[in-house]
Amino acid sequence: MLVERTSRLVLLAKMEDATAESALAGFSAKLNSIVAPLRQSLTYDQGKEMSRHKELACATGVNIYFCDPHSPWQRGSCENTNGLLRQYLPKGTDLSVYSQDELDAIADSLNSRPRATHAFHSPFEVFAATLASASQTQGSKH
């Protein structure tokens, strides 16, 4: 799961297993689907699946930071999103039975849901506004 911090847009990446190779492939594909100006950094917790983080940074141009161990408050958006995801994928669910299309449908449902933190706009709406703003900023540079 990836969560864009400004809009709280959720991206779910299908991974064959919890290996570093699967994380590299899944996160690279999802991160590279976001336009570069909105793809600046990734904050991750401590996990062996991120042992190939340098390759991920090279493949995506994203700076990768790690939270301190046992410090979930350092990734609050992810912790909140985990709670929302549990409505679709309860703890202990076998994720291997879900296709990427099914995960994308779950993400679309979450991204269409209005959020109080965004004055009841959806993550899709906020992301679109952020993207439009970034495009205008890029276009105005000389």
N, C-alpha and C. Protein backbone atom coordinates (compact mmCIF):
# COMPACT_ATOMS: atom_id res chain seq x y z
N MET A 1 0.83 -1.17 0.00
CA MET A 1 0.00 0.00 0.00
C MET A 1 0.88 1.24 0.00
N LEU A 2 0.53 2.17 -0.84
CA LEU A 2 1.16 3.48 -0.89
C LEU A 2 0.07 4.52 -0.67
N VAL A 3 0.38 5.55 0.10
CA VAL A 3 -0.58 6.63 0.35
C VAL A 3 0.10 7.95 0.04
N GLU A 4 -0.47 8.71 -0.89
CA GLU A 4 0.06 10.03 -1.22
C GLU A 4 -0.34 10.96 -0.09
N ARG A 5 0.63 11.64 0.49
CA ARG A 5 0.42 12.35 1.73
C ARG A 5 -0.52 13.55 1.65
N THR A 6 -0.48 14.30 0.58
CA THR A 6 -1.32 15.50 0.48
C THR A 6 -2.79 15.14 0.28
N SER A 7 -3.07 14.28 -0.68
CA SER A 7 -4.45 13.94 -1.02
C SER A 7 -4.96 12.71 -0.27
N ARG A 8 -4.04 11.92 0.24
CA ARG A 8 -4.34 10.63 0.86
C ARG A 8 -4.87 9.61 -0.17
N LEU A 9 -4.44 9.81 -1.42
CA LEU A 9 -4.76 8.87 -2.49
C LEU A 9 -4.07 7.53 -2.18
N VAL A 10 -4.82 6.45 -2.31
CA VAL A 10 -4.33 5.11 -1.98
C VAL A 10 -3.99 4.36 -3.27
N LEU A 11 -2.83 3.73 -3.29
CA LEU A 11 -2.42 2.84 -4.37
C LEU A 11 -2.09 1.50 -3.74
N LEU A 12 -2.70 0.45 -4.26
CA LEU A 12 -2.43 -0.90 -3.76
C LEU A 12 -1.68 -1.67 -4.83
N ALA A 13 -0.58 -2.28 -4.43
CA ALA A 13 0.26 -3.03 -5.37
C ALA A 13 0.19 -4.52 -5.06
N LYS A 14 -0.16 -5.30 -6.06
CA LYS A 14 -0.17 -6.75 -5.94
C LYS A 14 1.27 -7.24 -5.84
N MET A 15 1.53 -8.06 -4.82
CA MET A 15 2.85 -8.64 -4.66
C MET A 15 2.69 -10.15 -4.49
N GLU A 16 3.56 -10.87 -5.14
CA GLU A 16 3.47 -12.33 -5.07
C GLU A 16 3.77 -12.86 -3.67
N ASP A 17 4.64 -12.15 -2.98
CA ASP A 17 5.01 -12.55 -1.62
C ASP A 17 5.58 -11.33 -0.91
N ALA A 18 6.09 -11.51 0.28
CA ALA A 18 6.60 -10.39 1.07
C ALA A 18 8.11 -10.24 0.94
N THR A 19 8.64 -10.54 -0.24
CA THR A 19 10.08 -10.44 -0.45
C THR A 19 10.46 -9.05 -0.94
N ALA A 20 11.73 -8.76 -0.85
CA ALA A 20 12.25 -7.48 -1.35
C ALA A 20 12.06 -7.38 -2.86
N GLU A 21 12.16 -8.48 -3.57
CA GLU A 21 11.98 -8.47 -5.02
C GLU A 21 10.55 -8.07 -5.38
N SER A 22 9.57 -8.62 -4.67
CA SER A 22 8.17 -8.29 -4.93
C SER A 22 7.87 -6.83 -4.58
N ALA A 23 8.43 -6.36 -3.48
CA ALA A 23 8.23 -4.96 -3.08
C ALA A 23 8.85 -4.03 -4.12
N LEU A 24 10.03 -4.35 -4.59
CA LEU A 24 10.69 -3.54 -5.61
C LEU A 24 9.83 -3.45 -6.87
N ALA A 25 9.36 -4.58 -7.35
CA ALA A 25 8.56 -4.61 -8.58
C ALA A 25 7.22 -3.90 -8.39
N GLY A 26 6.52 -4.23 -7.31
CA GLY A 26 5.19 -3.65 -7.08
C GLY A 26 5.23 -2.16 -6.84
N PHE A 27 6.13 -1.72 -5.97
CA PHE A 27 6.23 -0.30 -5.65
C PHE A 27 6.77 0.51 -6.84
N SER A 28 7.70 -0.06 -7.58
CA SER A 28 8.23 0.66 -8.76
C SER A 28 7.11 0.93 -9.75
N ALA A 29 6.31 -0.09 -10.04
CA ALA A 29 5.22 0.07 -11.01
C ALA A 29 4.22 1.12 -10.53
N LYS A 30 3.83 1.06 -9.29
CA LYS A 30 2.83 2.01 -8.78
C LYS A 30 3.40 3.42 -8.67
N LEU A 31 4.61 3.55 -8.16
CA LEU A 31 5.21 4.88 -8.02
C LEU A 31 5.42 5.53 -9.39
N ASN A 32 5.85 4.76 -10.36
CA ASN A 32 6.09 5.31 -11.69
C ASN A 32 4.79 5.65 -12.43
N SER A 33 3.64 5.24 -11.88
CA SER A 33 2.36 5.61 -12.48
C SER A 33 1.93 7.01 -12.04
N ILE A 34 2.65 7.59 -11.10
CA ILE A 34 2.38 8.95 -10.61
C ILE A 34 3.35 9.90 -11.30
N VAL A 35 2.86 11.05 -11.74
CA VAL A 35 3.73 12.01 -12.41
C VAL A 35 4.86 12.44 -11.48
N ALA A 36 6.02 12.64 -12.03
CA ALA A 36 7.24 12.91 -11.25
C ALA A 36 7.11 14.05 -10.24
N PRO A 37 6.49 15.18 -10.57
CA PRO A 37 6.42 16.26 -9.57
C PRO A 37 5.68 15.87 -8.30
N LEU A 38 4.79 14.89 -8.39
CA LEU A 38 4.03 14.45 -7.21
C LEU A 38 4.61 13.19 -6.60
N ARG A 39 5.75 12.77 -7.07
CA ARG A 39 6.39 11.53 -6.62
C ARG A 39 7.77 11.90 -6.09
N GLN A 40 7.80 12.45 -4.88
CA GLN A 40 9.05 12.97 -4.33
C GLN A 40 9.72 12.05 -3.31
N SER A 41 8.92 11.51 -2.38
CA SER A 41 9.53 10.72 -1.31
C SER A 41 8.58 9.61 -0.86
N LEU A 42 9.16 8.64 -0.21
CA LEU A 42 8.43 7.52 0.36
C LEU A 42 8.96 7.31 1.77
N THR A 43 8.05 7.28 2.72
CA THR A 43 8.44 6.98 4.09
C THR A 43 7.95 5.59 4.41
N TYR A 44 8.82 4.75 4.92
CA TYR A 44 8.49 3.35 5.13
C TYR A 44 8.90 2.94 6.53
N ASP A 45 8.23 1.92 7.05
CA ASP A 45 8.65 1.42 8.35
C ASP A 45 9.80 0.43 8.16
N GLN A 46 10.29 -0.09 9.23
CA GLN A 46 11.41 -1.03 9.16
C GLN A 46 10.88 -2.40 8.72
N GLY A 47 11.33 -2.87 7.59
CA GLY A 47 10.90 -4.18 7.10
C GLY A 47 11.92 -4.72 6.11
N LYS A 48 12.16 -6.02 6.17
CA LYS A 48 13.16 -6.63 5.29
C LYS A 48 12.76 -6.55 3.82
N GLU A 49 11.43 -6.37 3.56
CA GLU A 49 10.99 -6.27 2.17
C GLU A 49 11.48 -4.99 1.50
N MET A 50 12.00 -4.04 2.28
CA MET A 50 12.52 -2.80 1.71
C MET A 50 14.05 -2.80 1.63
N SER A 51 14.64 -3.98 1.71
CA SER A 51 16.11 -4.05 1.66
C SER A 51 16.67 -3.61 0.32
N ARG A 52 15.84 -3.56 -0.71
CA ARG A 52 16.29 -3.11 -2.04
C ARG A 52 15.86 -1.66 -2.29
N HIS A 53 15.78 -0.88 -1.22
CA HIS A 53 15.30 0.50 -1.31
C HIS A 53 16.17 1.37 -2.21
N LYS A 54 17.46 1.10 -2.28
CA LYS A 54 18.32 1.91 -3.17
C LYS A 54 17.95 1.69 -4.63
N GLU A 55 17.63 0.45 -4.99
CA GLU A 55 17.20 0.16 -6.36
C GLU A 55 15.84 0.81 -6.64
N LEU A 56 14.95 0.81 -5.64
CA LEU A 56 13.64 1.45 -5.79
C LEU A 56 13.82 2.94 -6.02
N ALA A 57 14.72 3.55 -5.27
CA ALA A 57 14.99 4.99 -5.44
C ALA A 57 15.52 5.27 -6.85
N CYS A 58 16.41 4.43 -7.34
CA CYS A 58 16.95 4.62 -8.70
C CYS A 58 15.88 4.41 -9.77
N ALA A 59 15.02 3.43 -9.56
CA ALA A 59 13.99 3.11 -10.56
C ALA A 59 12.88 4.14 -10.62
N THR A 60 12.69 4.89 -9.53
CA THR A 60 11.54 5.80 -9.47
C THR A 60 11.91 7.26 -9.28
N GLY A 61 13.15 7.53 -8.87
CA GLY A 61 13.55 8.90 -8.57
C GLY A 61 13.01 9.40 -7.24
N VAL A 62 12.53 8.51 -6.41
CA VAL A 62 11.93 8.85 -5.12
C VAL A 62 12.98 8.73 -4.02
N ASN A 63 13.00 9.73 -3.14
CA ASN A 63 13.85 9.65 -1.94
C ASN A 63 13.12 8.77 -0.92
N ILE A 64 13.83 7.84 -0.32
CA ILE A 64 13.20 6.91 0.61
C ILE A 64 13.74 7.16 2.01
N TYR A 65 12.80 7.30 2.94
CA TYR A 65 13.12 7.52 4.34
C TYR A 65 12.50 6.39 5.15
N PHE A 66 13.13 6.08 6.26
CA PHE A 66 12.62 5.02 7.13
C PHE A 66 12.22 5.60 8.47
N CYS A 67 11.08 5.14 8.97
CA CYS A 67 10.63 5.53 10.30
C CYS A 67 11.49 4.83 11.34
N ASP A 68 11.52 5.41 12.52
CA ASP A 68 12.19 4.76 13.63
C ASP A 68 11.39 3.51 14.02
N PRO A 69 12.08 2.47 14.51
CA PRO A 69 11.36 1.26 14.92
C PRO A 69 10.33 1.57 16.01
N HIS A 70 9.20 0.90 15.92
CA HIS A 70 8.13 1.01 16.92
C HIS A 70 7.63 2.45 17.06
N SER A 71 7.52 3.17 15.93
CA SER A 71 7.08 4.57 15.94
C SER A 71 5.99 4.80 14.89
N PRO A 72 4.81 4.18 15.08
CA PRO A 72 3.76 4.30 14.06
C PRO A 72 3.28 5.73 13.84
N TRP A 73 3.47 6.61 14.81
CA TRP A 73 3.04 8.00 14.64
C TRP A 73 3.83 8.71 13.54
N GLN A 74 4.96 8.15 13.15
CA GLN A 74 5.75 8.75 12.08
C GLN A 74 5.17 8.44 10.70
N ARG A 75 4.19 7.57 10.65
CA ARG A 75 3.51 7.26 9.39
C ARG A 75 2.01 7.23 9.62
N GLY A 76 1.51 8.35 10.15
CA GLY A 76 0.10 8.47 10.53
C GLY A 76 -0.87 8.23 9.40
N SER A 77 -0.60 8.76 8.21
CA SER A 77 -1.51 8.55 7.08
C SER A 77 -1.64 7.07 6.74
N CYS A 78 -0.52 6.35 6.82
CA CYS A 78 -0.55 4.92 6.53
C CYS A 78 -1.33 4.16 7.61
N GLU A 79 -1.12 4.53 8.86
CA GLU A 79 -1.83 3.86 9.95
C GLU A 79 -3.34 4.09 9.82
N ASN A 80 -3.74 5.31 9.49
CA ASN A 80 -5.16 5.61 9.29
C ASN A 80 -5.71 4.82 8.11
N THR A 81 -4.96 4.78 7.02
CA THR A 81 -5.41 4.06 5.83
C THR A 81 -5.49 2.56 6.10
N ASN A 82 -4.59 2.03 6.91
CA ASN A 82 -4.68 0.61 7.28
C ASN A 82 -6.03 0.32 7.92
N GLY A 83 -6.48 1.23 8.79
CA GLY A 83 -7.79 1.06 9.42
C GLY A 83 -8.91 1.06 8.40
N LEU A 84 -8.84 1.96 7.41
CA LEU A 84 -9.87 1.99 6.36
C LEU A 84 -9.83 0.72 5.51
N LEU A 85 -8.63 0.24 5.21
CA LEU A 85 -8.49 -0.98 4.40
C LEU A 85 -9.06 -2.20 5.08
N ARG A 86 -9.03 -2.22 6.41
CA ARG A 86 -9.56 -3.36 7.17
C ARG A 86 -11.06 -3.56 6.92
N GLN A 87 -11.74 -2.52 6.44
CA GLN A 87 -13.16 -2.66 6.10
C GLN A 87 -13.33 -3.55 4.87
N TYR A 88 -12.32 -3.60 4.03
CA TYR A 88 -12.35 -4.40 2.81
C TYR A 88 -11.54 -5.69 2.96
N LEU A 89 -10.46 -5.58 3.68
CA LEU A 89 -9.52 -6.70 3.85
C LEU A 89 -9.25 -6.88 5.34
N PRO A 90 -10.11 -7.63 6.03
CA PRO A 90 -9.91 -7.81 7.48
C PRO A 90 -8.54 -8.42 7.80
N LYS A 91 -8.04 -8.11 8.98
CA LYS A 91 -6.75 -8.64 9.41
C LYS A 91 -6.75 -10.16 9.26
N GLY A 92 -5.68 -10.70 8.73
CA GLY A 92 -5.58 -12.14 8.53
C GLY A 92 -6.08 -12.61 7.17
N THR A 93 -6.59 -11.69 6.34
CA THR A 93 -7.07 -12.03 5.01
C THR A 93 -5.91 -12.51 4.14
N ASP A 94 -6.15 -13.56 3.38
CA ASP A 94 -5.15 -14.05 2.42
C ASP A 94 -5.17 -13.14 1.20
N LEU A 95 -4.18 -12.27 1.11
CA LEU A 95 -4.14 -11.29 0.02
C LEU A 95 -3.76 -11.91 -1.32
N SER A 96 -3.21 -13.11 -1.30
CA SER A 96 -2.77 -13.74 -2.55
C SER A 96 -3.94 -14.07 -3.47
N VAL A 97 -5.15 -14.12 -2.95
CA VAL A 97 -6.30 -14.47 -3.79
C VAL A 97 -6.85 -13.27 -4.54
N TYR A 98 -6.35 -12.07 -4.25
CA TYR A 98 -6.83 -10.86 -4.90
C TYR A 98 -5.96 -10.52 -6.11
N SER A 99 -6.62 -10.19 -7.20
CA SER A 99 -5.89 -9.76 -8.41
C SER A 99 -5.58 -8.28 -8.29
N GLN A 100 -4.73 -7.78 -9.18
CA GLN A 100 -4.44 -6.34 -9.19
C GLN A 100 -5.71 -5.56 -9.50
N ASP A 101 -6.56 -6.08 -10.38
CA ASP A 101 -7.82 -5.39 -10.70
C ASP A 101 -8.71 -5.28 -9.47
N GLU A 102 -8.77 -6.33 -8.67
CA GLU A 102 -9.58 -6.29 -7.44
C GLU A 102 -8.99 -5.30 -6.44
N LEU A 103 -7.67 -5.27 -6.32
CA LEU A 103 -7.03 -4.30 -5.42
C LEU A 103 -7.25 -2.88 -5.92
N ASP A 104 -7.20 -2.68 -7.23
CA ASP A 104 -7.47 -1.35 -7.79
C ASP A 104 -8.90 -0.91 -7.50
N ALA A 105 -9.85 -1.85 -7.54
CA ALA A 105 -11.26 -1.52 -7.24
C ALA A 105 -11.41 -1.09 -5.78
N ILE A 106 -10.70 -1.75 -4.88
CA ILE A 106 -10.73 -1.37 -3.47
C ILE A 106 -10.13 0.02 -3.30
N ALA A 107 -9.00 0.26 -3.95
CA ALA A 107 -8.36 1.57 -3.89
C ALA A 107 -9.28 2.65 -4.46
N ASP A 108 -9.95 2.35 -5.58
CA ASP A 108 -10.87 3.32 -6.19
C ASP A 108 -12.01 3.65 -5.23
N SER A 109 -12.50 2.65 -4.53
CA SER A 109 -13.57 2.88 -3.56
C SER A 109 -13.10 3.80 -2.44
N LEU A 110 -11.91 3.54 -1.92
CA LEU A 110 -11.34 4.41 -0.87
C LEU A 110 -11.07 5.81 -1.41
N ASN A 111 -10.59 5.90 -2.63
CA ASN A 111 -10.23 7.20 -3.21
C ASN A 111 -11.44 8.03 -3.62
N SER A 112 -12.59 7.39 -3.72
CA SER A 112 -13.84 8.10 -4.06
C SER A 112 -14.59 8.56 -2.81
N ARG A 113 -14.15 8.10 -1.67
CA ARG A 113 -14.82 8.36 -0.40
C ARG A 113 -14.44 9.74 0.14
N PRO A 114 -15.41 10.62 0.35
CA PRO A 114 -15.09 11.95 0.91
C PRO A 114 -14.45 11.81 2.29
N ARG A 115 -13.53 12.72 2.58
CA ARG A 115 -12.82 12.69 3.87
C ARG A 115 -13.00 14.01 4.60
N ALA A 116 -13.25 13.93 5.87
CA ALA A 116 -13.41 15.14 6.68
C ALA A 116 -12.16 16.01 6.62
N THR A 117 -11.00 15.38 6.57
CA THR A 117 -9.74 16.13 6.55
C THR A 117 -9.59 16.98 5.29
N HIS A 118 -10.39 16.69 4.25
CA HIS A 118 -10.36 17.45 3.00
C HIS A 118 -11.66 18.20 2.77
N ALA A 119 -12.30 18.63 3.85
CA ALA A 119 -13.58 19.35 3.75
C ALA A 119 -14.58 18.53 2.93
N PHE A 120 -14.54 17.23 3.13
CA PHE A 120 -15.44 16.26 2.50
C PHE A 120 -15.29 16.18 0.99
N HIS A 121 -14.07 16.44 0.51
CA HIS A 121 -13.70 16.13 -0.86
C HIS A 121 -13.02 14.77 -0.83
N SER A 122 -13.07 14.06 -1.93
CA SER A 122 -12.45 12.74 -2.00
C SER A 122 -10.96 12.88 -2.30
N PRO A 123 -10.18 11.84 -2.00
CA PRO A 123 -8.78 11.86 -2.42
C PRO A 123 -8.60 12.06 -3.92
N PHE A 124 -9.50 11.48 -4.74
CA PHE A 124 -9.42 11.71 -6.19
C PHE A 124 -9.53 13.20 -6.51
N GLU A 125 -10.48 13.88 -5.88
CA GLU A 125 -10.69 15.31 -6.13
C GLU A 125 -9.48 16.13 -5.70
N VAL A 126 -8.95 15.82 -4.52
CA VAL A 126 -7.80 16.57 -4.00
C VAL A 126 -6.57 16.29 -4.85
N PHE A 127 -6.38 15.03 -5.25
CA PHE A 127 -5.23 14.68 -6.10
C PHE A 127 -5.33 15.40 -7.44
N ALA A 128 -6.53 15.44 -8.03
CA ALA A 128 -6.71 16.13 -9.31
C ALA A 128 -6.38 17.62 -9.18
N ALA A 129 -6.80 18.24 -8.08
CA ALA A 129 -6.50 19.66 -7.86
C ALA A 129 -5.00 19.86 -7.66
N THR A 130 -4.37 18.96 -6.94
CA THR A 130 -2.92 19.04 -6.72
C THR A 130 -2.18 18.87 -8.03
N LEU A 131 -2.63 17.94 -8.85
CA LEU A 131 -2.03 17.70 -10.16
C LEU A 131 -2.19 18.93 -11.06
N ALA A 132 -3.37 19.52 -11.06
CA ALA A 132 -3.61 20.72 -11.86
C ALA A 132 -2.72 21.87 -11.40
N SER A 133 -2.58 22.01 -10.11
CA SER A 133 -1.73 23.06 -9.55
C SER A 133 -0.27 22.83 -9.93
N ALA A 134 0.18 21.59 -9.85
CA ALA A 134 1.56 21.26 -10.23
C ALA A 134 1.79 21.51 -11.71
N SER A 135 0.78 21.22 -12.54
CA SER A 135 0.91 21.45 -13.98
C SER A 135 1.01 22.94 -14.29
N GLN A 136 0.23 23.75 -13.59
CA GLN A 136 0.28 25.19 -13.79
C GLN A 136 1.64 25.74 -13.34
N THR A 137 2.15 25.24 -12.22
CA THR A 137 3.45 25.68 -11.73
C THR A 137 4.55 25.31 -12.71
N GLN A 138 4.48 24.08 -13.24
CA GLN A 138 5.48 23.65 -14.23
C GLN A 138 5.40 24.50 -15.49
N GLY A 139 4.18 24.83 -15.92
CA GLY A 139 4.00 25.61 -17.14
C GLY A 139 4.44 27.06 -17.00
N SER A 140 4.45 27.59 -15.77
CA SER A 140 4.78 28.98 -15.57
C SER A 140 6.28 29.21 -15.38
N LYS A 141 7.05 28.15 -15.26
CA LYS A 141 8.50 28.30 -15.11
C LYS A 141 9.12 28.65 -16.45
N HIS A 142 10.09 29.55 -16.41
CA HIS A 142 10.75 29.96 -17.66
C HIS A 142 12.15 29.48 -17.70
